[in-house]
Structures are given as C-alpha cells and as structure tokens.
Protein backbone atom coordinates (compact mmCIF):
# COMPACT_ATOMS: atom_id res chain seq x y z
CA MET A 1 -12.45 -19.19 -9.92
CA SER A 2 -15.84 -18.01 -9.18
CA ALA A 3 -17.35 -16.71 -5.77
CA ASN A 4 -19.30 -19.95 -5.34
CA SER A 5 -16.02 -21.81 -5.88
CA PRO A 6 -14.75 -24.31 -3.16
CA ASP A 7 -11.35 -23.70 -4.31
CA ARG A 8 -9.29 -21.83 -2.18
CA PRO A 9 -6.81 -18.67 -3.20
CA ARG A 10 -3.41 -19.95 -3.98
CA GLN A 11 -1.48 -19.41 -0.93
CA LEU A 12 2.73 -18.52 -1.10
CA ASP A 13 5.34 -17.57 1.12
CA VAL A 14 7.16 -14.72 0.68
CA VAL A 15 10.77 -15.38 1.60
CA LEU A 16 13.13 -11.95 1.79
CA VAL A 17 16.81 -12.61 2.01
CA LYS A 18 19.64 -10.17 2.79
CA ALA A 19 23.21 -11.31 2.97
CA GLY A 20 22.29 -14.69 2.54
CA ARG A 21 19.99 -15.13 5.81
CA THR A 22 16.51 -14.99 5.77
CA LYS A 23 15.27 -11.26 6.81
CA ILE A 24 11.35 -12.27 7.26
CA ARG A 25 9.32 -15.00 5.86
CA TYR A 26 5.29 -14.50 5.75
CA GLY A 27 2.21 -16.16 4.19
CA ALA A 28 0.31 -14.04 1.26
CA GLU A 29 -2.25 -14.68 -1.19
CA LEU A 30 -1.17 -15.20 -4.83
CA LEU A 31 -3.20 -12.64 -7.07
CA GLY A 32 -1.95 -13.57 -10.31
CA ASP A 33 1.48 -14.95 -12.32
CA ASP A 34 1.91 -13.97 -15.75
CA GLY A 35 4.95 -15.59 -16.47
CA THR A 36 7.40 -12.29 -15.60
CA ARG A 37 5.08 -10.42 -12.64
CA VAL A 38 3.95 -12.19 -9.77
CA VAL A 39 1.21 -10.38 -7.46
CA VAL A 40 0.55 -11.08 -3.60
CA ARG A 41 -1.50 -9.63 -1.23
CA ALA A 42 -0.48 -10.02 2.45
CA PRO A 43 -1.30 -7.76 5.61
CA TRP A 44 1.49 -6.15 7.39
CA ALA A 45 3.87 -8.80 8.74
CA GLY A 46 6.15 -7.07 11.15
CA ASP A 47 5.85 -6.97 14.79
CA GLY A 48 3.66 -3.80 16.05
CA VAL A 49 4.15 -0.68 14.48
CA ARG A 50 6.95 0.22 12.03
CA ASP A 51 7.31 4.37 11.97
CA PHE A 52 9.41 5.44 9.88
CA GLY A 53 8.77 9.55 10.21
CA PHE A 54 7.21 9.78 6.41
CA VAL A 55 4.80 6.42 6.98
CA ARG A 56 3.76 4.21 9.91
CA PHE A 57 3.36 0.43 8.84
CA GLU A 58 1.09 -1.13 11.58
CA LYS A 59 -1.56 -4.01 12.10
CA GLY A 60 -4.46 -3.84 9.47
CA ASP A 61 -2.45 -2.51 6.87
CA VAL A 62 -2.69 -4.42 3.57
CA PHE A 63 0.04 -4.82 1.09
CA THR A 64 -0.62 -5.76 -2.51
CA GLU A 65 2.94 -6.67 -3.78
CA TYR A 66 4.50 -6.76 -7.11
CA TYR A 67 7.78 -9.13 -8.03
CA TRP A 68 8.97 -9.12 -11.35
CA ARG A 69 11.25 -12.39 -12.31
CA ASP A 70 13.19 -9.81 -14.83
CA ARG A 71 13.38 -6.34 -12.93
CA TRP A 72 15.42 -5.42 -10.22
CA TYR A 73 12.98 -4.23 -8.06
CA ALA A 74 9.56 -5.07 -6.02
CA VAL A 75 6.67 -2.33 -5.63
CA LYS A 76 4.61 -3.04 -2.59
CA GLU A 77 1.06 -0.86 -2.57
CA VAL A 78 0.24 0.03 0.87
CA ARG A 79 -3.01 0.81 2.28
CA ASP A 80 -4.46 1.24 5.80
CA SER A 81 -7.12 -1.02 7.86
CA ASP A 82 -9.89 1.04 5.97
CA GLY A 83 -8.12 0.52 2.34
CA THR A 84 -6.95 4.28 2.07
CA LEU A 85 -3.63 4.22 0.02
CA LYS A 86 -0.95 5.33 1.93
CA GLY A 87 1.54 4.92 -0.70
CA TRP A 88 4.15 2.73 -2.38
CA TYR A 89 7.00 1.16 -0.70
CA CYS A 90 9.78 -0.36 -3.31
CA ASP A 91 12.38 -2.76 -2.48
CA ILE A 92 15.35 -2.77 -4.96
CA THR A 93 16.07 -6.42 -5.26
CA ARG A 94 17.72 -9.04 -7.74
CA PRO A 95 15.01 -10.45 -9.66
CA ALA A 96 12.26 -12.54 -7.84
CA THR A 97 12.07 -16.43 -8.12
CA LEU A 98 9.07 -18.72 -7.26
CA SER A 99 9.37 -22.31 -6.70
CA GLY A 100 6.70 -24.22 -5.68
CA SER A 101 5.05 -22.22 -2.97
CA GLU A 102 7.92 -20.06 -1.93
CA LEU A 103 8.64 -16.71 -3.71
CA VAL A 104 12.31 -15.69 -2.76
CA VAL A 105 13.56 -12.18 -3.50
CA GLU A 106 17.12 -10.98 -2.39
CA ASP A 107 17.15 -7.35 -0.59
CA LEU A 108 19.68 -5.14 -2.20
CA ASP A 109 19.30 -2.54 0.56
CA LEU A 110 17.96 0.19 -1.14
CA ASP A 111 14.65 1.39 -1.17
CA LEU A 112 12.10 3.99 -2.16
CA TRP A 113 9.21 5.50 -1.00
CA HIS A 114 6.25 7.29 -2.86
CA SER A 115 3.58 8.98 -0.98
CA ALA A 116 -0.02 8.54 -1.95
CA ASP A 117 -0.48 12.46 -2.65
CA GLY A 118 2.76 12.32 -4.65
CA THR A 119 4.32 14.96 -2.12
CA ASP A 120 7.06 12.39 -1.29
CA VAL A 121 9.72 10.56 -3.18
CA LEU A 122 12.27 9.37 -0.89
CA ARG A 123 15.61 7.52 -1.98
CA LEU A 124 16.21 5.20 1.38
CA ASP A 125 19.36 3.57 2.83
CA GLU A 126 21.77 4.20 0.29
CA ASP A 127 24.25 4.13 3.31
CA GLU A 128 23.49 0.69 3.96
CA PHE A 129 24.21 0.28 0.06
CA ALA A 130 27.18 1.36 0.32
CA GLU A 131 28.19 -0.33 3.46
CA SER A 132 27.01 -3.94 2.12
CA GLY A 133 30.23 -4.13 -0.03
CA LEU A 134 28.31 -5.12 -3.33
CA VAL A 135 29.86 -2.34 -5.35
CA GLU A 136 33.01 -4.49 -4.58
CA THR A 137 32.05 -8.10 -4.52
CA ASP A 138 29.11 -7.54 -7.43
CA PRO A 139 29.96 -4.54 -9.42
CA GLU A 140 27.40 -5.50 -12.04
CA ALA A 141 24.72 -6.23 -9.66
CA ALA A 142 25.46 -3.08 -7.84
CA ALA A 143 24.94 -1.20 -11.12
CA ALA A 144 21.78 -2.59 -11.59
CA ALA A 145 20.41 -1.99 -8.53
CA VAL A 146 21.09 1.76 -8.89
CA ALA A 147 19.75 1.89 -12.20
CA ALA A 148 16.74 0.17 -10.60
CA LEU A 149 16.21 3.06 -8.04
CA ASP A 150 16.46 5.64 -10.59
CA GLU A 151 14.15 4.08 -12.75
CA LEU A 152 11.48 3.68 -9.96
CA GLU A 153 12.26 7.63 -9.03
CA THR A 154 11.81 8.75 -12.00
CA LEU A 155 8.37 6.79 -13.09
CA ALA A 156 7.51 8.42 -9.40
CA HIS A 157 8.14 11.87 -10.24
CA GLU A 158 6.92 11.33 -13.90
CA GLY A 159 3.24 10.57 -12.48
CA GLY A 160 3.63 7.20 -10.79
CA PHE A 161 3.26 3.44 -10.63
CA GLY A 162 -0.18 3.53 -12.57
CA ALA A 163 1.12 1.79 -15.67
CA LEU A 164 3.81 -0.22 -14.23
CA LEU A 165 1.20 -1.86 -11.84
CA ALA A 166 -1.62 -2.05 -14.57
C-alpha cells in the first residue's frame, strides 16, 4: 500500500480468552502476517490507568503486538504517547488463531515483563497459573506454558527480544 493509496489498513479484533470466556476484545491494525507470526498495533485498550508498580499502562500508550501460530506466547512492545519505549509485556498463551477478522488468543495466566532499560525481567502471575488447575487438567499445555515463560526469560536476560521480533 502506497502513501497515496485509498486502501485502508486492515483492521482486526484481538480477542483474549481466559478460562473459556472473553477477557477483552479490542480493535487493532494488522501490520503483518507471514503465515506464522501476526503483528498488530493498537492503543491501550484498558479502562483508565493500570499501574502494576513496575510499569503504568495508560491512555496514549501504543502496543505493537506479536502473536505466533506455533509458539505459546505473545510479545507486546509498549510505547508511551511520545513514542518512548516502556518495555515488553509478554503473555503466555496457546498459539494464536486468525479467523476472518478475529485474532483469538487463549491466556494461560503466566506473564513476563522486560523493561526498556533491561533492569527488570519479572515473572508474573505464577500464583494464578498454579490456581488455574491447568497442570491437572492439561499437563501438556501446562508444560508448554512453563517452557515458553522460561524461553522468554532467557531471551530477556541474554540481550532482549530484538532477533525474535525482527
């Protein structure tokens, strides 16, 4: 699409499912789809400010989100309204599916935060994951989820997500 093209960017609905129910649905602009990885951009879709203590998500923040059809995670690059990188928020998920204009991702509770300056690499919500019962109900999925979290943590400590997101 050229700068003068009348074509509009393709819009998708990102649907995050948790425990069989839609947790959140929001519109996003499709930036790319190579058959394995889908990349979208969306403004912060939450209501108001979400302060985690180590980062704040707020109006004006922009998320460039990377989803894979063959990996058990999604990586979201977070920038503030001025374009300054805050860091990467990673969701551990089942592999994404794209059907029509819906990108559906099942959240498996585990998360990882990697700050822009590299000082923070935080494993998050391991208690929620343990309480979810996934280890008992789907041990293979639980093992894949933990392996995905371990992989992302290793990448973060070994220089970040540059190669993964290139």
